[in-house]
Amino acid sequence: MEREKITAKALVEAKAALIGRALLDANHPGSLPCPDSDNDGSAELFAGNHCPSYIGRLPWKTLGTGELRDAYGERLWYALSQNHRDHPSAEPVNLDTPGMLTIDGVGDYLAIVFSAGPAMSDQSRPSNQFSDYLEGVSVDNNNVTVITSGTVTNDRTIRISRNEVQDKLASRILREIRGSSSQGLIHYYTESGENRYPFADTDGDGIADVDALAGNPSFEGPMNQSLYFEDDTKDMLGKNGWLSIINYQVSDDGQTVTLKLGNQELVVVP
């Protein structure tokens, strides 16, 4: 029982760190770093457009967790859904991007963290081969599949599903649209001189359409009575397809904007 507690604590810390990393990523919110292939604690650099491997050890240095080990002294292992890698070639990464990892036929997982436990009879350690630590794990065309049913295994796992990050991720993106003194709705209301929030964009050109009370957020401001975003924010929102899936509704008097994304809603008032 004490061993289980130690392992469970390490797995929970790893999961929290990965979710935090996904939510805070500046360029691709919802994305995660490559696994650590050489056991140095750091995420591997991309080889072309892909991670060198989509299963390896947890990159604890990259995540800033400190060295996480299970009750048997082994560093944790980590599998990543390839379409959630933190690379421009994975764009768009948003609420509609499914997880590609599966466990026992159930999918939509973005990441899986493993405690390998003690070595099995056919495993040789130390090693950088996942097969020397994990049972029932296979990789096909960068997709990681885990089968525990009918498999002799002492692995322990903790998973991150798309559902677990969607609401938090949606809240993060809606806050970007609300903005600050330098961009978004707050900037527009205080700087435009209109004494109201802009109309909605109904045709996807980024320009607010006069008298349109419902549509998507505009983004081609500050001209055209449209929202303005700094270049990095504008690129993140546009390249990852966020703007087209955010519902934007402004009141008749322009004093209230309701933003909806997934299950989340944010009401913005002066």
Protein backbone atom coordinates (compact mmCIF):
# COMPACT_ATOMS: atom_id res chain seq x y z
CA MET A 1 0.00 0.00 0.00
CA GLU A 2 2.85 2.38 0.77
CA ARG A 3 4.41 1.66 -2.63
CA GLU A 4 1.09 2.35 -4.33
CA LYS A 5 0.83 5.70 -2.53
CA ILE A 6 4.30 6.76 -3.64
CA THR A 7 3.63 5.79 -7.24
CA ALA A 8 0.19 7.39 -7.28
CA LYS A 9 1.61 10.67 -5.96
CA ALA A 10 4.24 10.78 -8.70
CA LEU A 11 1.67 10.03 -11.40
CA VAL A 12 -0.72 12.72 -10.13
CA GLU A 13 2.09 15.30 -10.05
CA ALA A 14 3.06 14.42 -13.61
CA LYS A 15 -0.52 14.72 -14.84
CA ALA A 16 -0.99 18.12 -13.19
CA ALA A 17 2.25 19.39 -14.72
CA LEU A 18 1.27 18.23 -18.21
CA ILE A 19 -2.19 19.80 -18.00
CA GLY A 20 -0.67 23.04 -16.75
CA ARG A 21 1.85 23.01 -19.59
CA ALA A 22 -0.92 22.45 -22.16
CA LEU A 23 -3.00 25.33 -20.82
CA LEU A 24 -0.14 27.81 -20.61
CA ASP A 25 1.48 27.17 -23.98
CA ALA A 26 1.76 30.50 -25.79
CA ASN A 27 1.70 29.33 -29.42
CA HIS A 28 -0.35 26.13 -29.34
CA PRO A 29 -2.57 25.97 -26.25
CA GLY A 30 -3.52 22.34 -25.69
CA SER A 31 -0.20 21.00 -27.00
CA LEU A 32 2.50 19.11 -25.09
CA PRO A 33 6.28 18.60 -25.33
CA CYS A 34 7.96 15.61 -26.93
CA PRO A 35 8.91 12.68 -24.68
CA ASP A 36 12.47 12.34 -23.39
CA SER A 37 14.20 9.65 -25.45
CA ASP A 38 17.63 9.62 -23.78
CA ASN A 39 16.68 9.86 -20.09
CA ASP A 40 18.26 13.27 -19.50
CA GLY A 41 15.02 14.83 -18.25
CA SER A 42 14.52 17.15 -21.23
CA ALA A 43 11.99 16.90 -24.05
CA GLU A 44 13.61 15.93 -27.33
CA LEU A 45 13.89 18.47 -30.13
CA PHE A 46 11.79 17.90 -33.22
CA ALA A 47 13.20 15.84 -36.07
CA GLY A 48 11.60 17.61 -39.00
CA ASN A 49 7.94 18.02 -38.15
CA HIS A 50 7.71 15.19 -35.62
CA CYS A 51 9.01 14.16 -32.23
CA PRO A 52 11.81 11.58 -32.55
CA SER A 53 9.47 9.26 -30.62
CA TYR A 54 5.98 9.58 -29.18
CA ILE A 55 6.81 7.43 -26.19
CA GLY A 56 9.73 7.95 -23.84
CA ARG A 57 10.39 9.15 -20.36
CA LEU A 58 8.57 12.07 -18.83
CA PRO A 59 10.56 15.27 -19.59
CA TRP A 60 10.63 16.42 -15.98
CA LYS A 61 13.21 19.15 -16.53
CA THR A 62 11.13 20.66 -19.32
CA LEU A 63 8.01 20.49 -17.16
CA GLY A 64 9.81 21.84 -14.09
CA THR A 65 8.48 19.15 -11.76
CA GLY A 66 11.67 17.90 -10.23
CA GLU A 67 12.69 14.29 -10.83
CA LEU A 68 9.59 12.12 -10.49
CA ARG A 69 10.12 8.43 -9.74
CA ASP A 70 7.77 5.62 -8.81
CA ALA A 71 8.01 3.49 -5.66
CA TYR A 72 10.63 1.27 -7.32
CA GLY A 73 12.94 4.19 -8.12
CA GLU A 74 12.15 4.26 -11.84
CA ARG A 75 11.59 7.50 -13.70
CA LEU A 76 8.15 7.83 -15.19
CA TRP A 77 7.36 7.13 -18.84
CA TYR A 78 5.15 9.24 -21.08
CA ALA A 79 3.24 8.79 -24.34
CA LEU A 80 2.01 11.73 -26.43
CA SER A 81 -0.75 11.96 -29.03
CA GLN A 82 1.15 13.06 -32.12
CA ASN A 83 -1.44 15.65 -33.19
CA HIS A 84 -0.96 17.46 -29.87
CA ARG A 85 2.77 17.99 -30.32
CA ASP A 86 3.96 21.55 -29.80
CA HIS A 87 4.90 22.20 -33.43
CA PRO A 88 3.39 24.36 -36.21
CA SER A 89 2.88 21.25 -38.37
CA ALA A 90 0.29 20.01 -35.85
CA GLU A 91 -1.92 23.08 -36.29
CA PRO A 92 -4.76 23.46 -35.65
CA VAL A 93 -4.78 22.39 -32.01
CA ASN A 94 -8.12 23.29 -30.46
CA LEU A 95 -11.19 21.74 -28.82
CA ASP A 96 -11.97 19.76 -31.98
CA THR A 97 -8.56 18.04 -32.07
CA PRO A 98 -9.04 14.45 -30.86
CA GLY A 99 -6.54 12.51 -28.82
CA MET A 100 -4.93 9.68 -30.80
CA LEU A 101 -3.82 7.48 -27.89
CA THR A 102 -5.90 4.41 -27.00
CA ILE A 103 -6.06 2.11 -23.98
CA ASP A 104 -7.94 -1.17 -24.35
CA GLY A 105 -9.80 0.20 -27.36
CA VAL A 106 -10.85 3.44 -25.68
CA GLY A 107 -9.41 6.51 -27.34
CA ASP A 108 -9.31 10.31 -27.23
CA TYR A 109 -6.36 10.46 -24.85
CA LEU A 110 -3.84 13.28 -25.28
CA ALA A 111 -1.19 11.77 -23.03
CA ILE A 112 -0.53 8.75 -20.84
CA VAL A 113 1.99 8.63 -17.98
CA PHE A 114 3.34 5.25 -16.88
CA SER A 115 4.97 3.83 -13.80
CA ALA A 116 6.90 0.80 -15.04
CA GLY A 117 7.35 -0.97 -11.72
CA PRO A 118 10.03 -3.67 -11.28
CA ALA A 119 11.46 -5.48 -14.32
CA MET A 120 9.65 -8.50 -15.73
CA SER A 121 11.58 -11.65 -16.55
CA ASP A 122 12.09 -10.77 -20.22
CA GLN A 123 13.11 -7.15 -19.65
CA SER A 124 16.68 -5.88 -19.51
CA ARG A 125 17.45 -2.72 -17.56
CA PRO A 126 18.80 -0.06 -17.58
CA SER A 127 17.67 0.71 -21.10
CA ASN A 128 16.13 3.46 -23.22
CA GLN A 129 13.76 0.99 -24.91
CA PHE A 130 10.19 1.29 -23.68
CA SER A 131 9.68 -2.47 -24.16
CA ASP A 132 12.18 -3.08 -21.34
CA TYR A 133 9.86 -1.22 -18.97
CA LEU A 134 6.30 -1.25 -20.30
CA GLU A 135 4.06 -4.18 -21.19
CA GLY A 136 1.22 -4.16 -23.71
CA VAL A 137 2.45 -1.00 -25.44
CA SER A 138 2.90 -0.78 -29.20
CA VAL A 139 3.67 1.99 -31.66
CA ASP A 140 2.39 2.08 -35.25
CA ASN A 141 3.05 5.08 -37.49
CA ASN A 142 3.66 7.29 -34.42
CA ASN A 143 0.38 6.20 -32.81
CA VAL A 144 0.74 4.61 -29.36
CA THR A 145 -1.67 1.86 -28.33
CA VAL A 146 -1.88 0.29 -24.86
CA ILE A 147 -3.55 -3.06 -24.19
CA THR A 148 -3.83 -4.18 -20.58
CA SER A 149 -6.64 -6.72 -20.96
CA GLY A 150 -5.13 -10.20 -21.15
CA THR A 151 -1.62 -8.77 -20.73
CA VAL A 152 0.68 -9.71 -17.86
CA THR A 153 1.70 -6.28 -16.62
CA ASN A 154 2.76 -4.46 -13.49
CA ASP A 155 2.52 -1.02 -15.08
CA ARG A 156 0.44 1.74 -13.54
CA THR A 157 -0.97 4.51 -15.70
CA ILE A 158 -2.62 7.88 -15.43
CA ARG A 159 -4.29 9.34 -18.49
CA ILE A 160 -5.19 12.78 -19.80
CA SER A 161 -8.32 12.76 -21.94
CA ARG A 162 -9.50 15.54 -24.20
CA ASN A 163 -12.54 16.05 -21.94
CA GLU A 164 -10.29 16.76 -18.96
CA VAL A 165 -8.65 19.78 -20.56
CA GLN A 166 -11.43 21.17 -22.77
CA ASP A 167 -13.18 23.40 -20.23
CA LYS A 168 -9.96 24.85 -18.84
CA LEU A 169 -8.61 25.38 -22.34
CA ALA A 170 -11.82 27.08 -23.49
CA SER A 171 -11.65 29.43 -20.49
CA ARG A 172 -8.07 30.35 -21.37
CA ILE A 173 -9.01 31.21 -24.96
CA LEU A 174 -12.05 33.26 -23.97
CA ARG A 175 -9.83 35.30 -21.65
CA GLU A 176 -7.60 36.03 -24.65
CA ILE A 177 -10.62 37.48 -26.50
CA ARG A 178 -11.58 39.54 -23.45
CA GLY A 179 -8.02 40.77 -23.61
CA SER A 180 -6.30 43.56 -21.72
CA SER A 181 -5.37 47.20 -22.07
CA SER A 182 -3.29 46.29 -25.13
CA GLN A 183 -5.65 44.00 -27.09
CA GLY A 184 -9.06 42.36 -27.33
CA LEU A 185 -12.38 43.64 -26.02
CA ILE A 186 -10.96 45.61 -23.11
CA HIS A 187 -8.58 47.46 -25.42
CA TYR A 188 -11.30 48.18 -27.96
CA TYR A 189 -13.75 49.62 -25.47
CA THR A 190 -11.23 51.96 -23.87
CA GLU A 191 -9.31 53.02 -26.99
CA SER A 192 -11.75 53.11 -29.91
CA GLY A 193 -13.81 56.08 -28.80
CA GLU A 194 -16.96 54.19 -29.78
CA ASN A 195 -18.15 53.73 -26.18
CA ARG A 196 -19.33 50.25 -27.14
CA TYR A 197 -17.98 46.85 -28.10
CA PRO A 198 -17.63 45.99 -31.81
CA PHE A 199 -20.19 44.10 -33.86
CA ALA A 200 -19.62 40.45 -34.80
CA ASP A 201 -17.76 39.09 -37.81
CA THR A 202 -20.22 37.02 -39.86
CA ASP A 203 -18.15 36.09 -42.92
CA GLY A 204 -14.76 35.18 -41.43
CA ASP A 205 -12.82 38.09 -42.94
CA GLY A 206 -11.86 39.42 -39.52
CA ILE A 207 -13.79 42.64 -39.95
CA ALA A 208 -16.80 43.46 -37.78
CA ASP A 209 -19.99 43.68 -39.86
CA VAL A 210 -22.17 46.68 -39.08
CA ASP A 211 -25.33 45.79 -37.13
CA ALA A 212 -24.30 42.11 -36.81
CA LEU A 213 -25.04 41.11 -33.23
CA ALA A 214 -24.03 37.44 -33.52
CA GLY A 215 -21.16 35.65 -35.24
CA ASN A 216 -17.45 35.28 -34.43
CA PRO A 217 -14.93 37.71 -32.95
CA SER A 218 -13.35 40.15 -35.39
CA PHE A 219 -9.57 40.41 -35.48
CA GLU A 220 -8.48 42.86 -38.20
CA GLY A 221 -8.51 45.97 -36.02
CA PRO A 222 -7.84 48.62 -34.97
CA MET A 223 -9.26 49.86 -38.27
CA ASN A 224 -12.79 48.98 -39.42
CA GLN A 225 -14.23 49.16 -35.89
CA SER A 226 -12.86 45.65 -35.30
CA LEU A 227 -10.94 43.96 -32.49
CA TYR A 228 -7.18 44.28 -32.46
CA PHE A 229 -4.78 41.57 -31.23
CA GLU A 230 -1.01 41.65 -30.94
CA ASP A 231 0.72 39.59 -33.63
CA ASP A 232 1.57 36.57 -31.44
CA THR A 233 -1.96 36.33 -30.07
CA LYS A 234 -3.52 36.84 -33.50
CA ASP A 235 -1.35 34.08 -34.99
CA MET A 236 -2.16 31.69 -32.14
CA LEU A 237 -5.91 32.28 -32.45
CA GLY A 238 -5.96 32.18 -36.24
CA LYS A 239 -3.60 29.31 -37.06
CA ASN A 240 -5.22 27.04 -34.49
CA GLY A 241 -8.75 27.74 -35.70
CA TRP A 242 -10.06 29.26 -32.46
CA LEU A 243 -11.77 32.32 -33.91
CA SER A 244 -14.14 30.37 -36.12
CA ILE A 245 -15.45 28.22 -33.25
CA ILE A 246 -16.04 31.03 -30.74
CA ASN A 247 -19.62 32.28 -30.59
CA TYR A 248 -19.68 36.08 -30.20
CA GLN A 249 -22.84 37.95 -29.27
CA VAL A 250 -23.05 41.67 -28.58
CA SER A 251 -26.05 43.42 -27.04
CA ASP A 252 -28.07 46.01 -28.98
CA ASP A 253 -26.49 48.83 -27.01
CA GLY A 254 -22.99 47.40 -27.41
CA GLN A 255 -22.40 47.32 -23.66
CA THR A 256 -22.26 43.55 -23.20
CA VAL A 257 -20.50 40.78 -25.14
CA THR A 258 -21.20 37.11 -24.46
CA LEU A 259 -18.48 34.70 -25.58
CA LYS A 260 -19.13 30.95 -25.80
CA LEU A 261 -16.67 28.16 -26.53
CA GLY A 262 -17.44 24.53 -25.82
CA ASN A 263 -19.13 24.39 -22.44
CA GLN A 264 -17.70 27.72 -21.33
CA GLU A 265 -19.29 31.16 -21.37
CA LEU A 266 -17.74 34.51 -20.55
CA VAL A 267 -19.75 37.73 -20.27
CA VAL A 268 -17.73 40.90 -20.79
CA VAL A 269 -19.00 44.28 -19.60
CA PRO A 270 -17.23 47.66 -19.24
